[in-house]
Amino acid sequence: MMSVPFVLFACAIGAAWLRHRSLSVGFWLVGVTAMLVLFRVHVTEVLSIQL
């Protein structure tokens, strides 16, 4: 799940390499959004550490 933003960023780089600027920006925006959502879920998750 945490690798999804990086796959989207790789797709953005590939699209930029193929000169599809709007597709590249779209992949980049979706990747940033996915990273922010996953970070938000990770930050608000409660750790249950039982010693």
N, C-alpha and C. Protein backbone atom coordinates (compact mmCIF):
# COMPACT_ATOMS: atom_id res chain seq x y z
N MET A 1 0.82 -1.19 0.00
CA MET A 1 0.00 0.00 0.00
C MET A 1 0.87 1.26 0.00
N MET A 2 1.95 1.21 0.75
CA MET A 2 2.82 2.39 0.83
C MET A 2 3.64 2.60 -0.44
N SER A 3 3.68 1.61 -1.32
CA SER A 3 4.45 1.75 -2.56
C SER A 3 3.64 2.40 -3.68
N VAL A 4 2.33 2.55 -3.49
CA VAL A 4 1.46 3.11 -4.53
C VAL A 4 1.91 4.51 -4.98
N PRO A 5 2.23 5.44 -4.05
CA PRO A 5 2.67 6.75 -4.52
C PRO A 5 3.94 6.69 -5.37
N PHE A 6 4.85 5.80 -5.01
CA PHE A 6 6.10 5.71 -5.75
C PHE A 6 5.89 5.11 -7.14
N VAL A 7 4.95 4.20 -7.26
CA VAL A 7 4.60 3.67 -8.58
C VAL A 7 3.96 4.77 -9.42
N LEU A 8 3.13 5.58 -8.81
CA LEU A 8 2.51 6.70 -9.53
C LEU A 8 3.55 7.73 -9.96
N PHE A 9 4.55 7.98 -9.10
CA PHE A 9 5.63 8.90 -9.48
C PHE A 9 6.45 8.32 -10.63
N ALA A 10 6.68 7.02 -10.63
CA ALA A 10 7.40 6.38 -11.74
C ALA A 10 6.60 6.50 -13.03
N CYS A 11 5.28 6.35 -12.94
CA CYS A 11 4.43 6.54 -14.12
C CYS A 11 4.50 7.98 -14.61
N ALA A 12 4.57 8.93 -13.68
CA ALA A 12 4.68 10.34 -14.06
C ALA A 12 6.00 10.60 -14.78
N ILE A 13 7.08 10.00 -14.31
CA ILE A 13 8.37 10.17 -14.98
C ILE A 13 8.33 9.55 -16.36
N GLY A 14 7.71 8.37 -16.47
CA GLY A 14 7.57 7.72 -17.78
C GLY A 14 6.74 8.55 -18.74
N ALA A 15 5.67 9.11 -18.27
CA ALA A 15 4.82 9.94 -19.13
C ALA A 15 5.55 11.21 -19.55
N ALA A 16 6.33 11.78 -18.64
CA ALA A 16 7.12 12.97 -19.00
C ALA A 16 8.18 12.62 -20.03
N TRP A 17 8.76 11.45 -19.90
CA TRP A 17 9.77 11.00 -20.84
C TRP A 17 9.17 10.82 -22.25
N LEU A 18 7.91 10.38 -22.28
CA LEU A 18 7.21 10.21 -23.56
C LEU A 18 6.54 11.50 -24.04
N ARG A 19 6.79 12.59 -23.33
CA ARG A 19 6.30 13.93 -23.69
C ARG A 19 4.78 14.08 -23.58
N HIS A 20 4.20 13.42 -22.60
CA HIS A 20 2.77 13.58 -22.29
C HIS A 20 2.69 14.39 -21.00
N ARG A 21 2.79 15.70 -21.14
CA ARG A 21 2.90 16.57 -19.97
C ARG A 21 1.66 16.53 -19.09
N SER A 22 0.46 16.60 -19.67
CA SER A 22 -0.75 16.62 -18.85
C SER A 22 -0.95 15.29 -18.11
N LEU A 23 -0.63 14.19 -18.77
CA LEU A 23 -0.72 12.88 -18.11
C LEU A 23 0.30 12.77 -16.98
N SER A 24 1.47 13.32 -17.21
CA SER A 24 2.52 13.31 -16.19
C SER A 24 2.10 14.11 -14.96
N VAL A 25 1.54 15.29 -15.19
CA VAL A 25 1.08 16.13 -14.07
C VAL A 25 -0.06 15.43 -13.32
N GLY A 26 -0.94 14.76 -14.06
CA GLY A 26 -2.03 14.02 -13.42
C GLY A 26 -1.52 12.91 -12.52
N PHE A 27 -0.57 12.11 -13.04
CA PHE A 27 0.02 11.05 -12.22
C PHE A 27 0.71 11.63 -10.99
N TRP A 28 1.39 12.77 -11.18
CA TRP A 28 2.10 13.38 -10.07
C TRP A 28 1.12 13.86 -8.99
N LEU A 29 0.04 14.50 -9.42
CA LEU A 29 -0.95 15.00 -8.45
C LEU A 29 -1.62 13.86 -7.70
N VAL A 30 -1.95 12.78 -8.41
CA VAL A 30 -2.56 11.62 -7.75
C VAL A 30 -1.56 10.99 -6.78
N GLY A 31 -0.29 10.95 -7.16
CA GLY A 31 0.75 10.40 -6.28
C GLY A 31 0.92 11.22 -5.02
N VAL A 32 0.93 12.54 -5.15
CA VAL A 32 1.05 13.41 -3.97
C VAL A 32 -0.17 13.26 -3.07
N THR A 33 -1.34 13.20 -3.68
CA THR A 33 -2.57 13.03 -2.89
C THR A 33 -2.56 11.69 -2.15
N ALA A 34 -2.16 10.63 -2.84
CA ALA A 34 -2.09 9.31 -2.20
C ALA A 34 -1.09 9.32 -1.05
N MET A 35 0.05 10.00 -1.25
CA MET A 35 1.05 10.06 -0.19
C MET A 35 0.53 10.82 1.02
N LEU A 36 -0.18 11.91 0.80
CA LEU A 36 -0.74 12.68 1.91
C LEU A 36 -1.81 11.89 2.65
N VAL A 37 -2.65 11.17 1.92
CA VAL A 37 -3.70 10.37 2.56
C VAL A 37 -3.08 9.24 3.38
N LEU A 38 -2.11 8.55 2.81
CA LEU A 38 -1.46 7.46 3.55
C LEU A 38 -0.70 7.99 4.76
N PHE A 39 -0.08 9.16 4.64
CA PHE A 39 0.60 9.76 5.79
C PHE A 39 -0.40 10.11 6.88
N ARG A 40 -1.55 10.66 6.48
CA ARG A 40 -2.57 11.02 7.46
C ARG A 40 -3.10 9.79 8.20
N VAL A 41 -3.31 8.71 7.47
CA VAL A 41 -3.78 7.47 8.10
C VAL A 41 -2.71 6.92 9.04
N HIS A 42 -1.45 7.00 8.62
CA HIS A 42 -0.37 6.48 9.42
C HIS A 42 -0.17 7.30 10.70
N VAL A 43 -0.30 8.62 10.61
CA VAL A 43 -0.08 9.49 11.76
C VAL A 43 -1.19 9.29 12.80
N THR A 44 -2.43 9.08 12.37
CA THR A 44 -3.53 8.98 13.32
C THR A 44 -3.76 7.56 13.82
N GLU A 45 -2.94 6.61 13.37
CA GLU A 45 -3.10 5.22 13.81
C GLU A 45 -2.56 5.08 15.23
N VAL A 46 -3.30 4.37 16.06
CA VAL A 46 -2.91 4.18 17.45
C VAL A 46 -2.02 2.93 17.51
N LEU A 47 -0.87 3.07 18.16
CA LEU A 47 0.03 1.94 18.35
C LEU A 47 -0.35 1.22 19.63
N SER A 48 -0.44 -0.09 19.55
CA SER A 48 -0.73 -0.88 20.75
C SER A 48 0.52 -1.66 21.10
N ILE A 49 1.34 -1.05 21.93
CA ILE A 49 2.58 -1.67 22.38
C ILE A 49 2.34 -2.31 23.73
N GLN A 50 2.44 -3.62 23.76
CA GLN A 50 2.20 -4.35 25.00
C GLN A 50 3.51 -4.99 25.44
N LEU A 51 4.00 -4.56 26.58
CA LEU A 51 5.27 -5.10 27.10
C LEU A 51 5.02 -6.10 28.19
